[in-house]
Amino acid sequence: VLVVGIFIWVFDAVGGVVVNGIITLVKG
């Protein structure tokens, strides 16, 4: 369960960075 939680946390963090990058590219 702990491993899954960490995986979800990492995936969410990386996903947030990717989304921010895409938004920056679109606005730029």
PDB file of N, CA and C in Angstrom:
ATOM      1  N   VAL A   1       0.851  -1.205   0.000  1.00  0.00           N
ATOM      2  CA  VAL A   1       0.000   0.000   0.000  1.00  0.00           C
ATOM      3  C   VAL A   1       0.883   1.251   0.000  1.00  0.00           C
ATOM      4  N   LEU A   2       1.947   1.216   0.800  1.00  0.00           N
ATOM      5  CA  LEU A   2       2.844   2.368   0.904  1.00  0.00           C
ATOM      6  C   LEU A   2       3.503   2.652  -0.446  1.00  0.00           C
ATOM      7  N   VAL A   3       3.930   1.587  -1.132  1.00  0.00           N
ATOM      8  CA  VAL A   3       4.579   1.747  -2.443  1.00  0.00           C
ATOM      9  C   VAL A   3       3.608   2.369  -3.435  1.00  0.00           C
ATOM     10  N   VAL A   4       2.370   1.902  -3.416  1.00  0.00           N
ATOM     11  CA  VAL A   4       1.355   2.449  -4.324  1.00  0.00           C
ATOM     12  C   VAL A   4       1.121   3.918  -4.030  1.00  0.00           C
ATOM     13  N   GLY A   5       1.087   4.263  -2.749  1.00  0.00           N
ATOM     14  CA  GLY A   5       0.874   5.662  -2.350  1.00  0.00           C
ATOM     15  C   GLY A   5       1.994   6.548  -2.856  1.00  0.00           C
ATOM     16  N   ILE A   6       3.232   6.063  -2.722  1.00  0.00           N
ATOM     17  CA  ILE A   6       4.389   6.838  -3.196  1.00  0.00           C
ATOM     18  C   ILE A   6       4.320   6.988  -4.714  1.00  0.00           C
ATOM     19  N   PHE A   7       3.972   5.907  -5.413  1.00  0.00           N
ATOM     20  CA  PHE A   7       3.878   5.937  -6.869  1.00  0.00           C
ATOM     21  C   PHE A   7       2.855   6.970  -7.315  1.00  0.00           C
ATOM     22  N   ILE A   8       1.689   6.970  -6.657  1.00  0.00           N
ATOM     23  CA  ILE A   8       0.633   7.930  -6.993  1.00  0.00           C
ATOM     24  C   ILE A   8       1.110   9.348  -6.723  1.00  0.00           C
ATOM     25  N   TRP A   9       1.834   9.548  -5.608  1.00  0.00           N
ATOM     26  CA  TRP A   9       2.338  10.885  -5.255  1.00  0.00           C
ATOM     27  C   TRP A   9       3.324  11.368  -6.305  1.00  0.00           C
ATOM     28  N   VAL A  10       4.242  10.495  -6.712  1.00  0.00           N
ATOM     29  CA  VAL A  10       5.243  10.853  -7.729  1.00  0.00           C
ATOM     30  C   VAL A  10       4.558  11.130  -9.060  1.00  0.00           C
ATOM     31  N   PHE A  11       3.609  10.261  -9.437  1.00  0.00           N
ATOM     32  CA  PHE A  11       2.894  10.437 -10.699  1.00  0.00           C
ATOM     33  C   PHE A  11       2.142  11.757 -10.704  1.00  0.00           C
ATOM     34  N   ASP A  12       1.524  12.100  -9.583  1.00  0.00           N
ATOM     35  CA  ASP A  12       0.769  13.356  -9.475  1.00  0.00           C
ATOM     36  C   ASP A  12       1.714  14.549  -9.579  1.00  0.00           C
ATOM     37  N   ALA A  13       2.869  14.461  -8.940  1.00  0.00           N
ATOM     38  CA  ALA A  13       3.842  15.560  -8.974  1.00  0.00           C
ATOM     39  C   ALA A  13       4.377  15.755 -10.392  1.00  0.00           C
ATOM     40  N   VAL A  14       4.780  14.659 -11.035  1.00  0.00           N
ATOM     41  CA  VAL A  14       5.305  14.730 -12.405  1.00  0.00           C
ATOM     42  C   VAL A  14       4.218  15.224 -13.354  1.00  0.00           C
ATOM     43  N   GLY A  15       2.990  14.723 -13.176  1.00  0.00           N
ATOM     44  CA  GLY A  15       1.874  15.149 -14.021  1.00  0.00           C
ATOM     45  C   GLY A  15       1.644  16.643 -13.903  1.00  0.00           C
ATOM     46  N   GLY A  16       1.752  17.178 -12.685  1.00  0.00           N
ATOM     47  CA  GLY A  16       1.560  18.617 -12.470  1.00  0.00           C
ATOM     48  C   GLY A  16       2.611  19.423 -13.213  1.00  0.00           C
ATOM     49  N   VAL A  17       3.853  18.952 -13.185  1.00  0.00           N
ATOM     50  CA  VAL A  17       4.940  19.656 -13.877  1.00  0.00           C
ATOM     51  C   VAL A  17       4.695  19.636 -15.381  1.00  0.00           C
ATOM     52  N   VAL A  18       4.267  18.492 -15.900  1.00  0.00           N
ATOM     53  CA  VAL A  18       4.001  18.360 -17.339  1.00  0.00           C
ATOM     54  C   VAL A  18       2.869  19.289 -17.760  1.00  0.00           C
ATOM     55  N   VAL A  19       1.796  19.310 -16.971  1.00  0.00           N
ATOM     56  CA  VAL A  19       0.652  20.183 -17.277  1.00  0.00           C
ATOM     57  C   VAL A  19       1.080  21.641 -17.276  1.00  0.00           C
ATOM     58  N   ASN A  20       1.870  22.045 -16.281  1.00  0.00           N
ATOM     59  CA  ASN A  20       2.345  23.430 -16.199  1.00  0.00           C
ATOM     60  C   ASN A  20       3.203  23.760 -17.411  1.00  0.00           C
ATOM     61  N   GLY A  21       4.028  22.812 -17.833  1.00  0.00           N
ATOM     62  CA  GLY A  21       4.882  23.021 -19.004  1.00  0.00           C
ATOM     63  C   GLY A  21       4.054  23.217 -20.260  1.00  0.00           C
ATOM     64  N   ILE A  22       3.020  22.394 -20.424  1.00  0.00           N
ATOM     65  CA  ILE A  22       2.148  22.503 -21.599  1.00  0.00           C
ATOM     66  C   ILE A  22       1.423  23.842 -21.591  1.00  0.00           C
ATOM     67  N   ILE A  23       0.905  24.248 -20.428  1.00  0.00           N
ATOM     68  CA  ILE A  23       0.197  25.529 -20.320  1.00  0.00           C
ATOM     69  C   ILE A  23       1.140  26.674 -20.665  1.00  0.00           C
ATOM     70  N   THR A  24       2.376  26.586 -20.192  1.00  0.00           N
ATOM     71  CA  THR A  24       3.367  27.630 -20.487  1.00  0.00           C
ATOM     72  C   THR A  24       3.622  27.704 -21.986  1.00  0.00           C
ATOM     73  N   LEU A  25       3.752  26.554 -22.629  1.00  0.00           N
ATOM     74  CA  LEU A  25       4.001  26.528 -24.077  1.00  0.00           C
ATOM     75  C   LEU A  25       2.813  27.121 -24.835  1.00  0.00           C
ATOM     76  N   VAL A  26       1.604  26.770 -24.409  1.00  0.00           N
ATOM     77  CA  VAL A  26       0.400  27.267 -25.082  1.00  0.00           C
ATOM     78  C   VAL A  26       0.286  28.781 -24.933  1.00  0.00           C
ATOM     79  N   LYS A  27       0.536  29.274 -23.718  1.00  0.00           N
ATOM     80  CA  LYS A  27       0.434  30.718 -23.478  1.00  0.00           C
ATOM     81  C   LYS A  27       1.566  31.469 -24.181  1.00  0.00           C
ATOM     82  N   GLY A  28       2.740  30.810 -24.273  1.00  0.00           N
ATOM     83  CA  GLY A  28       3.898  31.467 -24.872  1.00  0.00           C
ATOM     84  C   GLY A  28       3.778  31.504 -26.378  1.00  0.00           C
TER      85      GLY A  28
END
